[in-house]
C-alpha cells in the first residue's frame, strides 16, 4: 500500500503528441515522441507502442504521462517523461487518453 502523499508525488499531466518518429536504435520497437505539455514545455519520450499505433496517427493525439521521473537515456535518446498505457489481452499497450480534450499540461489528480 502507498499513502496519499506517495500518490501526490507523481506529476501526471495531459499532453499532445506533436512529433512521432521511428526509434531505430532502440532494442525493442519504439517511437521517439515529442509531447507538448503547455506551460510545462515540450518533452521527449520513448514509447513502445508500435504494434497498435502508426507515427502519422499519433500526431495530435492527447495522452497522459508522468513528467517528474528523472530523464532516462535510451540508446542515443533522452526520454524525459513516461507515457501511460494499459496492456491489452495481447500484451500490447493501449494509450491512456483524456475522455475529452483538455488543456495541455493539466494535472491529473
Protein backbone atom coordinates (compact mmCIF):
# COMPACT_ATOMS: atom_id res chain seq x y z
CA UNK A 1 0.00 0.00 0.00
CA UNK A 2 1.07 3.56 -0.66
CA UNK A 3 -0.07 6.68 1.10
CA UNK A 4 -1.93 9.60 -0.42
CA UNK A 5 1.30 11.59 -0.05
CA UNK A 6 3.11 8.96 -2.15
CA UNK A 7 0.48 9.29 -4.91
CA UNK A 8 0.72 13.07 -4.84
CA UNK A 9 4.44 12.84 -5.66
CA UNK A 10 3.57 11.62 -9.16
CA UNK A 11 3.15 14.53 -11.57
CA UNK A 12 0.81 13.19 -14.25
CA UNK A 13 -0.23 15.64 -16.95
CA UNK A 14 -2.15 15.78 -20.20
CA UNK A 15 -0.14 16.47 -23.33
CA UNK A 16 -0.47 16.40 -27.10
CA UNK A 17 1.91 14.46 -29.32
CA UNK A 18 3.42 16.91 -31.82
CA UNK A 19 6.03 14.61 -33.38
CA UNK A 20 6.41 10.85 -33.70
CA UNK A 21 9.37 9.14 -35.38
CA UNK A 22 10.61 5.55 -35.55
CA UNK A 23 13.30 4.91 -32.92
CA UNK A 24 15.65 2.73 -34.92
CA UNK A 25 18.37 2.47 -32.25
CA UNK A 26 16.02 1.16 -29.53
CA UNK A 27 16.47 -2.51 -28.54
CA UNK A 28 12.70 -3.10 -28.73
CA UNK A 29 10.47 -1.46 -31.37
CA UNK A 30 9.61 2.06 -30.21
CA UNK A 31 8.83 5.59 -31.31
CA UNK A 32 10.52 8.85 -30.37
CA UNK A 33 7.77 11.24 -29.32
CA UNK A 34 7.72 14.99 -28.71
CA UNK A 35 4.83 15.90 -26.44
CA UNK A 36 3.50 19.40 -25.73
CA UNK A 37 2.64 19.83 -22.04
CA UNK A 38 1.65 23.51 -22.31
CA UNK A 39 3.33 25.60 -19.61
CA UNK A 40 5.44 22.55 -18.65
CA UNK A 41 7.06 22.65 -22.11
CA UNK A 42 7.72 20.07 -24.81
CA UNK A 43 9.22 16.81 -23.58
CA UNK A 44 10.71 13.77 -25.32
CA UNK A 45 9.56 10.23 -24.67
CA UNK A 46 10.47 6.80 -26.00
CA UNK A 47 7.32 4.69 -26.27
CA UNK A 48 6.98 1.00 -27.19
CA UNK A 49 3.62 1.43 -28.88
CA UNK A 50 4.48 0.39 -32.44
CA UNK A 51 2.06 -2.55 -32.63
CA UNK A 52 -1.17 -0.60 -32.26
CA UNK A 53 -0.13 2.86 -33.44
CA UNK A 54 1.49 4.38 -36.55
CA UNK A 55 3.55 7.58 -36.37
CA UNK A 56 1.21 9.65 -38.52
CA UNK A 57 -1.89 8.75 -36.46
CA UNK A 58 -0.17 9.74 -33.21
CA UNK A 59 0.27 13.39 -34.22
CA UNK A 60 -2.36 15.48 -32.42
CA UNK A 61 -3.34 12.66 -30.05
CA UNK A 62 -3.73 13.77 -26.45
CA UNK A 63 -2.18 11.43 -23.88
CA UNK A 64 -1.41 11.16 -20.15
CA UNK A 65 2.21 10.99 -18.95
CA UNK A 66 4.28 11.15 -15.79
CA UNK A 67 6.58 14.13 -16.20
CA UNK A 68 8.61 14.12 -12.98
CA UNK A 69 10.67 10.94 -13.31
CA UNK A 70 14.38 11.57 -13.87
CA UNK A 71 15.31 11.63 -17.58
CA UNK A 72 16.35 8.22 -18.89
CA UNK A 73 18.99 7.64 -21.56
CA UNK A 74 17.74 5.07 -24.09
CA UNK A 75 20.40 4.40 -26.75
CA UNK A 76 21.17 7.87 -28.16
CA UNK A 77 17.90 9.44 -26.95
CA UNK A 78 16.98 11.13 -23.65
CA UNK A 79 13.44 10.22 -22.59
CA UNK A 80 12.01 12.90 -20.27
CA UNK A 81 8.57 11.53 -19.43
CA UNK A 82 6.68 8.24 -19.24
CA UNK A 83 3.63 7.93 -21.48
CA UNK A 84 0.98 5.86 -19.70
CA UNK A 85 -0.93 2.96 -21.19
CA UNK A 86 -2.75 -0.24 -20.38
CA UNK A 87 -1.71 -3.71 -21.54
CA UNK A 88 -4.48 -5.36 -23.53
CA UNK A 89 -5.07 -9.13 -23.71
CA UNK A 90 -2.34 -9.43 -26.40
CA UNK A 91 0.19 -7.62 -24.15
CA UNK A 92 0.18 -4.54 -26.41
CA UNK A 93 -0.02 -1.06 -24.90
CA UNK A 94 -3.21 0.97 -25.36
CA UNK A 95 -2.57 4.65 -24.61
CA UNK A 96 -4.34 6.36 -21.72
CA UNK A 97 -6.18 9.41 -23.01
CA UNK A 98 -8.50 12.02 -21.52
CA UNK A 99 -12.14 11.24 -22.27
CA UNK A 100 -12.47 14.83 -23.56
CA UNK A 101 -9.98 17.33 -24.93
CA UNK A 102 -8.21 19.19 -22.12
CA UNK A 103 -5.60 21.91 -21.95
CA UNK A 104 -2.05 20.61 -22.37
CA UNK A 105 -0.26 20.45 -19.04
CA UNK A 106 -3.38 19.96 -16.91
CA UNK A 107 -2.51 17.94 -13.83
CA UNK A 108 -4.14 14.58 -13.17
CA UNK A 109 -5.49 14.34 -9.67
